[in-house]
């Protein structure tokens, strides 16, 4: 049938799998400066930021589902 497109189902992330993320020059500089302010490596800074964000999202979804 024409016009009937299937949507692309995204893949779920694998737990304990390390993904590589590429950043542009400006983003890398901003991350480096922010990581230096809190005395962390950029890699640890990004990991902590992602975990904090995921925790926040989970907590807010638990509040909504109550």
PDB file of N, CA and C in Angstrom:
ATOM      1  N   UNK A   1       0.839  -1.186   0.000  1.00  0.00           N
ATOM      2  CA  UNK A   1       0.000   0.000   0.000  1.00  0.00           C
ATOM      3  C   UNK A   1       0.878   1.242   0.000  1.00  0.00           C
ATOM      4  N   UNK A   2       0.473   2.206  -0.759  1.00  0.00           N
ATOM      5  CA  UNK A   2       1.226   3.458  -0.801  1.00  0.00           C
ATOM      6  C   UNK A   2       0.922   4.311   0.422  1.00  0.00           C
ATOM      7  N   UNK A   3       1.932   5.001   0.910  1.00  0.00           N
ATOM      8  CA  UNK A   3       1.729   5.931   2.014  1.00  0.00           C
ATOM      9  C   UNK A   3       1.723   5.284   3.383  1.00  0.00           C
ATOM     10  N   UNK A   4       1.824   3.978   3.455  1.00  0.00           N
ATOM     11  CA  UNK A   4       1.814   3.294   4.744  1.00  0.00           C
ATOM     12  C   UNK A   4       3.251   2.944   5.120  1.00  0.00           C
ATOM     13  N   UNK A   5       3.888   3.821   5.866  1.00  0.00           N
ATOM     14  CA  UNK A   5       5.291   3.623   6.230  1.00  0.00           C
ATOM     15  C   UNK A   5       5.392   3.014   7.621  1.00  0.00           C
ATOM     16  N   UNK A   6       6.311   2.097   7.761  1.00  0.00           N
ATOM     17  CA  UNK A   6       6.564   1.520   9.077  1.00  0.00           C
ATOM     18  C   UNK A   6       7.517   2.445   9.829  1.00  0.00           C
ATOM     19  N   UNK A   7       7.260   2.619  11.094  1.00  0.00           N
ATOM     20  CA  UNK A   7       8.148   3.462  11.889  1.00  0.00           C
ATOM     21  C   UNK A   7       9.368   2.653  12.313  1.00  0.00           C
ATOM     22  N   UNK A   8      10.481   3.342  12.450  1.00  0.00           N
ATOM     23  CA  UNK A   8      11.727   2.701  12.867  1.00  0.00           C
ATOM     24  C   UNK A   8      11.720   2.556  14.382  1.00  0.00           C
ATOM     25  N   UNK A   9      11.857   1.341  14.864  1.00  0.00           N
ATOM     26  CA  UNK A   9      11.904   1.099  16.300  1.00  0.00           C
ATOM     27  C   UNK A   9      13.345   1.257  16.777  1.00  0.00           C
ATOM     28  N   UNK A  10      13.554   2.135  17.745  1.00  0.00           N
ATOM     29  CA  UNK A  10      14.914   2.375  18.226  1.00  0.00           C
ATOM     30  C   UNK A  10      15.383   1.217  19.101  1.00  0.00           C
ATOM     31  N   UNK A  11      16.686   1.004  19.101  1.00  0.00           N
ATOM     32  CA  UNK A  11      17.272  -0.063  19.900  1.00  0.00           C
ATOM     33  C   UNK A  11      17.462   0.426  21.328  1.00  0.00           C
ATOM     34  N   UNK A  12      17.264  -0.470  22.282  1.00  0.00           N
ATOM     35  CA  UNK A  12      17.470  -0.119  23.680  1.00  0.00           C
ATOM     36  C   UNK A  12      18.963  -0.160  23.999  1.00  0.00           C
ATOM     37  N   UNK A  13      19.341   0.621  24.986  1.00  0.00           N
ATOM     38  CA  UNK A  13      20.729   0.622  25.422  1.00  0.00           C
ATOM     39  C   UNK A  13      21.006  -0.634  26.231  1.00  0.00           C
ATOM     40  N   UNK A  14      22.219  -1.135  26.103  1.00  0.00           N
ATOM     41  CA  UNK A  14      22.640  -2.316  26.847  1.00  0.00           C
ATOM     42  C   UNK A  14      23.255  -1.870  28.172  1.00  0.00           C
ATOM     43  N   UNK A  15      22.855  -2.495  29.276  1.00  0.00           N
ATOM     44  CA  UNK A  15      23.476  -2.139  30.550  1.00  0.00           C
ATOM     45  C   UNK A  15      24.949  -2.550  30.571  1.00  0.00           C
ATOM     46  N   UNK A  16      25.742  -1.788  31.252  1.00  0.00           N
ATOM     47  CA  UNK A  16      27.183  -2.040  31.420  1.00  0.00           C
ATOM     48  C   UNK A  16      27.948  -2.081  30.103  1.00  0.00           C
ATOM     49  N   UNK A  17      27.413  -1.434  29.081  1.00  0.00           N
ATOM     50  CA  UNK A  17      28.107  -1.338  27.797  1.00  0.00           C
ATOM     51  C   UNK A  17      28.604   0.092  27.634  1.00  0.00           C
ATOM     52  N   UNK A  18      29.852   0.248  27.246  1.00  0.00           N
ATOM     53  CA  UNK A  18      30.411   1.587  27.086  1.00  0.00           C
ATOM     54  C   UNK A  18      30.200   2.066  25.655  1.00  0.00           C
ATOM     55  N   UNK A  19      29.465   3.163  25.510  1.00  0.00           N
ATOM     56  CA  UNK A  19      29.197   3.752  24.205  1.00  0.00           C
ATOM     57  C   UNK A  19      30.148   4.913  23.971  1.00  0.00           C
ATOM     58  N   UNK A  20      30.553   5.097  22.734  1.00  0.00           N
ATOM     59  CA  UNK A  20      31.420   6.222  22.385  1.00  0.00           C
ATOM     60  C   UNK A  20      30.557   7.339  21.815  1.00  0.00           C
ATOM     61  N   UNK A  21      30.796   8.553  22.297  1.00  0.00           N
ATOM     62  CA  UNK A  21      30.043   9.717  21.851  1.00  0.00           C
ATOM     63  C   UNK A  21      31.035  10.717  21.275  1.00  0.00           C
ATOM     64  N   UNK A  22      30.724  11.243  20.114  1.00  0.00           N
ATOM     65  CA  UNK A  22      31.591  12.234  19.498  1.00  0.00           C
ATOM     66  C   UNK A  22      31.080  13.640  19.748  1.00  0.00           C
ATOM     67  N   UNK A  23      31.969  14.548  20.027  1.00  0.00           N
ATOM     68  CA  UNK A  23      31.613  15.937  20.261  1.00  0.00           C
ATOM     69  C   UNK A  23      32.379  16.825  19.294  1.00  0.00           C
ATOM     70  N   UNK A  24      31.798  17.958  18.979  1.00  0.00           N
ATOM     71  CA  UNK A  24      32.493  18.958  18.187  1.00  0.00           C
ATOM     72  C   UNK A  24      33.509  19.682  19.053  1.00  0.00           C
ATOM     73  N   UNK A  25      34.288  20.536  18.432  1.00  0.00           N
ATOM     74  CA  UNK A  25      35.346  21.255  19.148  1.00  0.00           C
ATOM     75  C   UNK A  25      34.763  22.117  20.263  1.00  0.00           C
ATOM     76  N   UNK A  26      33.700  22.863  19.967  1.00  0.00           N
ATOM     77  CA  UNK A  26      33.114  23.753  20.977  1.00  0.00           C
ATOM     78  C   UNK A  26      32.549  22.972  22.156  1.00  0.00           C
ATOM     79  N   UNK A  27      31.845  21.873  21.869  1.00  0.00           N
ATOM     80  CA  UNK A  27      31.278  21.067  22.945  1.00  0.00           C
ATOM     81  C   UNK A  27      32.382  20.442  23.796  1.00  0.00           C
ATOM     82  N   UNK A  28      33.445  19.968  23.147  1.00  0.00           N
ATOM     83  CA  UNK A  28      34.556  19.356  23.882  1.00  0.00           C
ATOM     84  C   UNK A  28      35.225  20.379  24.797  1.00  0.00           C
ATOM     85  N   UNK A  29      35.377  21.609  24.324  1.00  0.00           N
ATOM     86  CA  UNK A  29      35.974  22.665  25.156  1.00  0.00           C
ATOM     87  C   UNK A  29      35.090  22.979  26.354  1.00  0.00           C
ATOM     88  N   UNK A  30      33.782  23.077  26.130  1.00  0.00           N
ATOM     89  CA  UNK A  30      32.855  23.376  27.230  1.00  0.00           C
ATOM     90  C   UNK A  30      32.853  22.258  28.268  1.00  0.00           C
ATOM     91  N   UNK A  31      32.859  21.014  27.806  1.00  0.00           N
ATOM     92  CA  UNK A  31      32.888  19.879  28.730  1.00  0.00           C
ATOM     93  C   UNK A  31      34.203  19.871  29.502  1.00  0.00           C
ATOM     94  N   UNK A  32      35.307  20.135  28.824  1.00  0.00           N
ATOM     95  CA  UNK A  32      36.611  20.182  29.485  1.00  0.00           C
ATOM     96  C   UNK A  32      36.674  21.255  30.557  1.00  0.00           C
ATOM     97  N   UNK A  33      36.159  22.438  30.259  1.00  0.00           N
ATOM     98  CA  UNK A  33      36.153  23.530  31.242  1.00  0.00           C
ATOM     99  C   UNK A  33      35.280  23.188  32.441  1.00  0.00           C
ATOM    100  N   UNK A  34      34.090  22.631  32.185  1.00  0.00           N
ATOM    101  CA  UNK A  34      33.180  22.273  33.281  1.00  0.00           C
ATOM    102  C   UNK A  34      33.781  21.164  34.140  1.00  0.00           C
ATOM    103  N   UNK A  35      34.405  20.187  33.514  1.00  0.00           N
ATOM    104  CA  UNK A  35      35.033  19.087  34.256  1.00  0.00           C
ATOM    105  C   UNK A  35      36.179  19.603  35.120  1.00  0.00           C
ATOM    106  N   UNK A  36      36.955  20.547  34.607  1.00  0.00           N
ATOM    107  CA  UNK A  36      38.058  21.120  35.386  1.00  0.00           C
ATOM    108  C   UNK A  36      37.560  21.887  36.598  1.00  0.00           C
ATOM    109  N   UNK A  37      36.403  22.546  36.469  1.00  0.00           N
ATOM    110  CA  UNK A  37      35.859  23.315  37.597  1.00  0.00           C
ATOM    111  C   UNK A  37      35.506  22.417  38.771  1.00  0.00           C
ATOM    112  N   UNK A  38      35.059  21.195  38.483  1.00  0.00           N
ATOM    113  CA  UNK A  38      34.694  20.273  39.560  1.00  0.00           C
ATOM    114  C   UNK A  38      35.775  19.216  39.795  1.00  0.00           C
ATOM    115  N   UNK A  39      36.952  19.420  39.171  1.00  0.00           N
ATOM    116  CA  UNK A  39      38.120  18.559  39.363  1.00  0.00           C
ATOM    117  C   UNK A  39      37.832  17.094  39.021  1.00  0.00           C
ATOM    118  N   UNK A  40      37.270  16.856  37.844  1.00  0.00           N
ATOM    119  CA  UNK A  40      37.003  15.506  37.353  1.00  0.00           C
ATOM    120  C   UNK A  40      37.528  15.378  35.928  1.00  0.00           C
ATOM    121  N   UNK A  41      37.689  14.145  35.490  1.00  0.00           N
ATOM    122  CA  UNK A  41      38.045  13.931  34.091  1.00  0.00           C
ATOM    123  C   UNK A  41      36.785  14.144  33.255  1.00  0.00           C
ATOM    124  N   UNK A  42      36.932  14.542  32.008  1.00  0.00           N
ATOM    125  CA  UNK A  42      35.746  14.715  31.164  1.00  0.00           C
ATOM    126  C   UNK A  42      34.895  13.446  31.079  1.00  0.00           C
ATOM    127  N   UNK A  43      35.545  12.284  31.021  1.00  0.00           N
ATOM    128  CA  UNK A  43      34.807  11.017  30.941  1.00  0.00           C
ATOM    129  C   UNK A  43      33.942  10.808  32.184  1.00  0.00           C
ATOM    130  N   UNK A  44      34.514  11.007  33.368  1.00  0.00           N
ATOM    131  CA  UNK A  44      33.756  10.844  34.609  1.00  0.00           C
ATOM    132  C   UNK A  44      32.689  11.920  34.753  1.00  0.00           C
ATOM    133  N   UNK A  45      33.000  13.131  34.300  1.00  0.00           N
ATOM    134  CA  UNK A  45      32.036  14.224  34.357  1.00  0.00           C
ATOM    135  C   UNK A  45      30.790  13.888  33.538  1.00  0.00           C
ATOM    136  N   UNK A  46      30.993  13.365  32.331  1.00  0.00           N
ATOM    137  CA  UNK A  46      29.870  13.011  31.461  1.00  0.00           C
ATOM    138  C   UNK A  46      29.076  11.858  32.062  1.00  0.00           C
ATOM    139  N   UNK A  47      29.776  10.831  32.572  1.00  0.00           N
ATOM    140  CA  UNK A  47      29.085   9.689  33.179  1.00  0.00           C
ATOM    141  C   UNK A  47      28.200  10.142  34.335  1.00  0.00           C
ATOM    142  N   UNK A  48      28.757  10.994  35.200  1.00  0.00           N
ATOM    143  CA  UNK A  48      28.005  11.462  36.364  1.00  0.00           C
ATOM    144  C   UNK A  48      26.804  12.294  35.925  1.00  0.00           C
ATOM    145  N   UNK A  49      26.985  13.142  34.933  1.00  0.00           N
ATOM    146  CA  UNK A  49      25.891  13.980  34.442  1.00  0.00           C
ATOM    147  C   UNK A  49      24.765  13.135  33.854  1.00  0.00           C
ATOM    148  N   UNK A  50      25.122  12.102  33.108  1.00  0.00           N
ATOM    149  CA  UNK A  50      24.110  11.225  32.512  1.00  0.00           C
ATOM    150  C   UNK A  50      23.368  10.454  33.595  1.00  0.00           C
ATOM    151  N   UNK A  51      24.095   9.927  34.576  1.00  0.00           N
ATOM    152  CA  UNK A  51      23.443   9.189  35.659  1.00  0.00           C
ATOM    153  C   UNK A  51      22.535  10.086  36.485  1.00  0.00           C
ATOM    154  N   UNK A  52      22.973  11.309  36.768  1.00  0.00           N
ATOM    155  CA  UNK A  52      22.137  12.261  37.503  1.00  0.00           C
ATOM    156  C   UNK A  52      20.863  12.577  36.730  1.00  0.00           C
ATOM    157  N   UNK A  53      20.994  12.764  35.435  1.00  0.00           N
ATOM    158  CA  UNK A  53      19.839  13.068  34.593  1.00  0.00           C
ATOM    159  C   UNK A  53      18.870  11.888  34.549  1.00  0.00           C
ATOM    160  N   UNK A  54      19.395  10.675  34.392  1.00  0.00           N
ATOM    161  CA  UNK A  54      18.544   9.484  34.346  1.00  0.00           C
ATOM    162  C   UNK A  54      17.827   9.275  35.673  1.00  0.00           C
ATOM    163  N   UNK A  55      18.517   9.493  36.776  1.00  0.00           N
ATOM    164  CA  UNK A  55      17.902   9.367  38.094  1.00  0.00           C
ATOM    165  C   UNK A  55      16.777  10.373  38.256  1.00  0.00           C
ATOM    166  N   UNK A  56      17.009  11.585  37.821  1.00  0.00           N
ATOM    167  CA  UNK A  56      15.997  12.634  37.896  1.00  0.00           C
ATOM    168  C   UNK A  56      14.763  12.271  37.073  1.00  0.00           C
ATOM    169  N   UNK A  57      14.978  11.740  35.876  1.00  0.00           N
ATOM    170  CA  UNK A  57      13.859  11.343  35.018  1.00  0.00           C
ATOM    171  C   UNK A  57      13.073  10.208  35.664  1.00  0.00           C
ATOM    172  N   UNK A  58      13.778   9.215  36.221  1.00  0.00           N
ATOM    173  CA  UNK A  58      13.100   8.098  36.882  1.00  0.00           C
ATOM    174  C   UNK A  58      12.287   8.569  38.076  1.00  0.00           C
ATOM    175  N   UNK A  59      12.837   9.477  38.870  1.00  0.00           N
ATOM    176  CA  UNK A  59      12.123   9.982  40.037  1.00  0.00           C
ATOM    177  C   UNK A  59      10.882  10.759  39.628  1.00  0.00           C
ATOM    178  N   UNK A  60      10.981  11.564  38.583  1.00  0.00           N
ATOM    179  CA  UNK A  60       9.821  12.340  38.154  1.00  0.00           C
ATOM    180  C   UNK A  60       8.749  11.435  37.562  1.00  0.00           C
ATOM    181  N   UNK A  61       9.139  10.347  36.890  1.00  0.00           N
ATOM    182  CA  UNK A  61       8.138   9.435  36.336  1.00  0.00           C
ATOM    183  C   UNK A  61       7.452   8.650  37.446  1.00  0.00           C
ATOM    184  N   UNK A  62       8.167   8.368  38.534  1.00  0.00           N
ATOM    185  CA  UNK A  62       7.549   7.685  39.671  1.00  0.00           C
ATOM    186  C   UNK A  62       6.515   8.582  40.337  1.00  0.00           C
ATOM    187  N   UNK A  63       6.793   9.872  40.410  1.00  0.00           N
ATOM    188  CA  UNK A  63       5.847  10.819  41.004  1.00  0.00           C
ATOM    189  C   UNK A  63       4.584  10.902  40.157  1.00  0.00           C
ATOM    190  N   UNK A  64       4.735  10.941  38.850  1.00  0.00           N
ATOM    191  CA  UNK A  64       3.593  11.046  37.939  1.00  0.00           C
ATOM    192  C   UNK A  64       2.745   9.788  37.993  1.00  0.00           C
ATOM    193  N   UNK A  65       3.373   8.632  38.130  1.00  0.00           N
ATOM    194  CA  UNK A  65       2.647   7.364  38.109  1.00  0.00           C
ATOM    195  C   UNK A  65       1.985   7.020  39.432  1.00  0.00           C
ATOM    196  N   UNK A  66       2.183   7.824  40.464  1.00  0.00           N
ATOM    197  CA  UNK A  66       1.546   7.551  41.764  1.00  0.00           C
ATOM    198  C   UNK A  66       0.112   7.969  41.756  1.00  0.00           C
TER     199      UNK A  66
END
